[in-house]
């Protein structure tokens, strides 16, 4: 990511089972507590310019609503047992793929956000 870059990460259903070890190590390197993520937990992580600005995980429905880098950001994460849903809304548009595992959106300034998903329940965890 270039400067003024935000990465929004949110989980749906389950993200813990096969979360790639390299991704975990990268997140831990920037002070994430991702190693505490458990099976079917909800998860929200926000990274701005390479630093974590918000992180929450647990068995309950999680929501985040704030302005980040001049954009309105509304995130919802629900593991399988508390709603099984995900939304990453930027300026009232949902960019999350709504798939099991990790939904990730990258944006910078007014550029169009880029969205990805990783089915971390599968052993090979491919990007979509």
C-alpha atoms as a PDB file:
ATOM      1  CA  UNK A   1       0.000   0.000   0.000  1.00  0.00           C
ATOM      2  CA  UNK A   2       1.100   3.555  -0.639  1.00  0.00           C
ATOM      3  CA  UNK A   3       0.852   6.321   1.958  1.00  0.00           C
ATOM      4  CA  UNK A   4      -2.591   7.213   3.295  1.00  0.00           C
ATOM      5  CA  UNK A   5      -3.528   3.538   2.921  1.00  0.00           C
ATOM      6  CA  UNK A   6      -6.142   1.717   4.995  1.00  0.00           C
ATOM      7  CA  UNK A   7      -6.688  -2.041   5.200  1.00  0.00           C
ATOM      8  CA  UNK A   8      -9.972  -3.222   6.717  1.00  0.00           C
ATOM      9  CA  UNK A   9     -10.183  -6.893   7.722  1.00  0.00           C
ATOM     10  CA  UNK A  10     -13.373  -8.592   8.913  1.00  0.00           C
ATOM     11  CA  UNK A  11     -14.323 -12.234   9.464  1.00  0.00           C
ATOM     12  CA  UNK A  12     -17.475 -14.157   8.594  1.00  0.00           C
ATOM     13  CA  UNK A  13     -18.357 -17.661   9.883  1.00  0.00           C
ATOM     14  CA  UNK A  14     -14.825 -18.834  10.759  1.00  0.00           C
ATOM     15  CA  UNK A  15     -11.457 -17.236  10.081  1.00  0.00           C
ATOM     16  CA  UNK A  16      -9.234 -19.070  12.556  1.00  0.00           C
ATOM     17  CA  UNK A  17      -9.046 -22.645  11.278  1.00  0.00           C
ATOM     18  CA  UNK A  18      -6.479 -22.172   8.478  1.00  0.00           C
ATOM     19  CA  UNK A  19      -5.463 -18.525   8.788  1.00  0.00           C
ATOM     20  CA  UNK A  20      -2.129 -18.503   6.912  1.00  0.00           C
ATOM     21  CA  UNK A  21       0.856 -18.597   9.283  1.00  0.00           C
ATOM     22  CA  UNK A  22       2.706 -16.002   7.198  1.00  0.00           C
ATOM     23  CA  UNK A  23      -0.257 -13.595   7.479  1.00  0.00           C
ATOM     24  CA  UNK A  24      -0.452 -14.199  11.243  1.00  0.00           C
ATOM     25  CA  UNK A  25       3.284 -13.453  11.574  1.00  0.00           C
ATOM     26  CA  UNK A  26       2.920 -10.240   9.540  1.00  0.00           C
ATOM     27  CA  UNK A  27       0.022  -9.070  11.701  1.00  0.00           C
ATOM     28  CA  UNK A  28       1.812  -9.963  14.946  1.00  0.00           C
ATOM     29  CA  UNK A  29       4.809  -7.987  13.654  1.00  0.00           C
ATOM     30  CA  UNK A  30       2.657  -4.828  13.686  1.00  0.00           C
ATOM     31  CA  UNK A  31       1.356  -5.583  17.201  1.00  0.00           C
ATOM     32  CA  UNK A  32      -1.822  -7.505  16.341  1.00  0.00           C
ATOM     33  CA  UNK A  33      -3.220 -10.004  18.812  1.00  0.00           C
ATOM     34  CA  UNK A  34      -4.442 -12.255  15.963  1.00  0.00           C
ATOM     35  CA  UNK A  35      -2.907 -15.304  17.655  1.00  0.00           C
ATOM     36  CA  UNK A  36      -5.831 -15.093  20.140  1.00  0.00           C
ATOM     37  CA  UNK A  37      -8.412 -15.585  17.352  1.00  0.00           C
ATOM     38  CA  UNK A  38     -10.457 -18.717  18.041  1.00  0.00           C
ATOM     39  CA  UNK A  39     -12.720 -20.951  15.976  1.00  0.00           C
ATOM     40  CA  UNK A  40     -15.826 -19.065  14.774  1.00  0.00           C
ATOM     41  CA  UNK A  41     -14.798 -15.765  16.401  1.00  0.00           C
ATOM     42  CA  UNK A  42     -15.854 -12.442  14.954  1.00  0.00           C
ATOM     43  CA  UNK A  43     -12.899 -10.244  13.941  1.00  0.00           C
ATOM     44  CA  UNK A  44     -12.261  -6.649  12.898  1.00  0.00           C
ATOM     45  CA  UNK A  45      -8.785  -5.235  12.259  1.00  0.00           C
ATOM     46  CA  UNK A  46      -8.048  -1.787  10.822  1.00  0.00           C
ATOM     47  CA  UNK A  47      -4.576  -0.924   9.618  1.00  0.00           C
ATOM     48  CA  UNK A  48      -3.657   2.606   8.575  1.00  0.00           C
ATOM     49  CA  UNK A  49      -0.252   3.326   7.039  1.00  0.00           C
ATOM     50  CA  UNK A  50       1.149   0.048   8.393  1.00  0.00           C
ATOM     51  CA  UNK A  51      -0.083   0.449  11.990  1.00  0.00           C
ATOM     52  CA  UNK A  52      -3.085  -1.127  13.669  1.00  0.00           C
ATOM     53  CA  UNK A  53      -5.568   1.572  14.658  1.00  0.00           C
ATOM     54  CA  UNK A  54      -8.342  -0.795  15.802  1.00  0.00           C
ATOM     55  CA  UNK A  55      -8.591  -4.503  16.583  1.00  0.00           C
ATOM     56  CA  UNK A  56     -11.339  -6.541  18.213  1.00  0.00           C
ATOM     57  CA  UNK A  57     -12.205 -10.229  18.205  1.00  0.00           C
ATOM     58  CA  UNK A  58     -14.443 -12.542  20.167  1.00  0.00           C
ATOM     59  CA  UNK A  59     -17.604 -14.618  20.262  1.00  0.00           C
ATOM     60  CA  UNK A  60     -19.969 -11.612  20.023  1.00  0.00           C
ATOM     61  CA  UNK A  61     -21.200  -9.553  17.061  1.00  0.00           C
ATOM     62  CA  UNK A  62     -18.643  -6.800  16.406  1.00  0.00           C
ATOM     63  CA  UNK A  63     -19.255  -3.368  14.887  1.00  0.00           C
ATOM     64  CA  UNK A  64     -17.015  -0.422  14.049  1.00  0.00           C
ATOM     65  CA  UNK A  65     -18.302   2.950  12.863  1.00  0.00           C
ATOM     66  CA  UNK A  66     -15.954   5.908  12.373  1.00  0.00           C
ATOM     67  CA  UNK A  67     -14.252   8.164   9.839  1.00  0.00           C
ATOM     68  CA  UNK A  68     -10.859   6.906   8.666  1.00  0.00           C
ATOM     69  CA  UNK A  69      -8.679   8.781   6.177  1.00  0.00           C
ATOM     70  CA  UNK A  70     -11.620  11.033   5.357  1.00  0.00           C
ATOM     71  CA  UNK A  71     -13.945   8.120   4.466  1.00  0.00           C
ATOM     72  CA  UNK A  72     -16.977   6.926   6.428  1.00  0.00           C
ATOM     73  CA  UNK A  73     -16.244   3.364   7.524  1.00  0.00           C
ATOM     74  CA  UNK A  74     -18.814   0.957   8.967  1.00  0.00           C
ATOM     75  CA  UNK A  75     -17.721  -2.640   9.615  1.00  0.00           C
ATOM     76  CA  UNK A  76     -19.708  -5.591  10.962  1.00  0.00           C
ATOM     77  CA  UNK A  77     -18.262  -9.024  11.713  1.00  0.00           C
ATOM     78  CA  UNK A  78     -20.207 -12.000  12.997  1.00  0.00           C
ATOM     79  CA  UNK A  79     -18.825 -15.467  13.490  1.00  0.00           C
ATOM     80  CA  UNK A  80     -21.033 -18.447  12.746  1.00  0.00           C
ATOM     81  CA  UNK A  81     -22.695 -18.546  16.167  1.00  0.00           C
ATOM     82  CA  UNK A  82     -23.646 -14.831  16.331  1.00  0.00           C
ATOM     83  CA  UNK A  83     -25.021 -13.994  12.880  1.00  0.00           C
ATOM     84  CA  UNK A  84     -22.633 -15.344  10.250  1.00  0.00           C
ATOM     85  CA  UNK A  85     -22.334 -12.053   8.382  1.00  0.00           C
ATOM     86  CA  UNK A  86     -19.775  -9.467   7.307  1.00  0.00           C
ATOM     87  CA  UNK A  87     -19.933  -5.919   5.966  1.00  0.00           C
ATOM     88  CA  UNK A  88     -17.180  -3.472   5.146  1.00  0.00           C
ATOM     89  CA  UNK A  89     -18.996  -0.298   4.168  1.00  0.00           C
ATOM     90  CA  UNK A  90     -17.051   2.673   2.832  1.00  0.00           C
ATOM     91  CA  UNK A  91     -19.141   5.780   2.206  1.00  0.00           C
ATOM     92  CA  UNK A  92     -22.321   3.616   2.343  1.00  0.00           C
ATOM     93  CA  UNK A  93     -21.146   1.029  -0.214  1.00  0.00           C
ATOM     94  CA  UNK A  94     -20.490  -2.560   0.932  1.00  0.00           C
ATOM     95  CA  UNK A  95     -17.167  -3.799  -0.449  1.00  0.00           C
ATOM     96  CA  UNK A  96     -17.008  -7.082   1.498  1.00  0.00           C
ATOM     97  CA  UNK A  97     -17.484 -10.186  -0.645  1.00  0.00           C
ATOM     98  CA  UNK A  98     -19.668 -11.720   2.067  1.00  0.00           C
ATOM     99  CA  UNK A  99     -17.793 -15.021   1.985  1.00  0.00           C
ATOM    100  CA  UNK A 100     -16.712 -17.360   4.769  1.00  0.00           C
ATOM    101  CA  UNK A 101     -13.321 -16.525   6.256  1.00  0.00           C
ATOM    102  CA  UNK A 102     -11.523 -13.211   5.840  1.00  0.00           C
ATOM    103  CA  UNK A 103     -12.988 -10.321   3.866  1.00  0.00           C
ATOM    104  CA  UNK A 104     -10.429  -7.596   3.234  1.00  0.00           C
ATOM    105  CA  UNK A 105     -10.741  -4.135   1.680  1.00  0.00           C
ATOM    106  CA  UNK A 106      -7.858  -1.800   0.839  1.00  0.00           C
ATOM    107  CA  UNK A 107      -8.393   1.878   0.128  1.00  0.00           C
ATOM    108  CA  UNK A 108      -6.371   5.049  -0.163  1.00  0.00           C
ATOM    109  CA  UNK A 109      -7.791   8.565  -0.344  1.00  0.00           C
ATOM    110  CA  UNK A 110     -10.566   8.834  -2.898  1.00  0.00           C
ATOM    111  CA  UNK A 111      -9.376   5.860  -4.999  1.00  0.00           C
ATOM    112  CA  UNK A 112     -11.838   3.027  -5.595  1.00  0.00           C
ATOM    113  CA  UNK A 113     -11.419   0.419  -2.817  1.00  0.00           C
ATOM    114  CA  UNK A 114     -10.111  -3.036  -3.748  1.00  0.00           C
ATOM    115  CA  UNK A 115     -11.715  -6.039  -2.065  1.00  0.00           C
ATOM    116  CA  UNK A 116     -10.613  -9.628  -1.528  1.00  0.00           C
ATOM    117  CA  UNK A 117     -11.740 -12.678   0.400  1.00  0.00           C
ATOM    118  CA  UNK A 118      -9.904 -15.724   1.745  1.00  0.00           C
ATOM    119  CA  UNK A 119     -11.764 -18.877   2.755  1.00  0.00           C
ATOM    120  CA  UNK A 120      -9.675 -19.656   5.813  1.00  0.00           C
ATOM    121  CA  UNK A 121     -11.817 -22.717   6.517  1.00  0.00           C
ATOM    122  CA  UNK A 122     -10.224 -24.500   3.542  1.00  0.00           C
ATOM    123  CA  UNK A 123      -6.710 -25.946   3.853  1.00  0.00           C
ATOM    124  CA  UNK A 124      -5.352 -24.046   0.817  1.00  0.00           C
ATOM    125  CA  UNK A 125      -6.995 -20.671   1.690  1.00  0.00           C
ATOM    126  CA  UNK A 126      -7.074 -19.152  -1.826  1.00  0.00           C
ATOM    127  CA  UNK A 127      -7.647 -15.455  -2.519  1.00  0.00           C
ATOM    128  CA  UNK A 128     -10.920 -14.565  -4.280  1.00  0.00           C
END
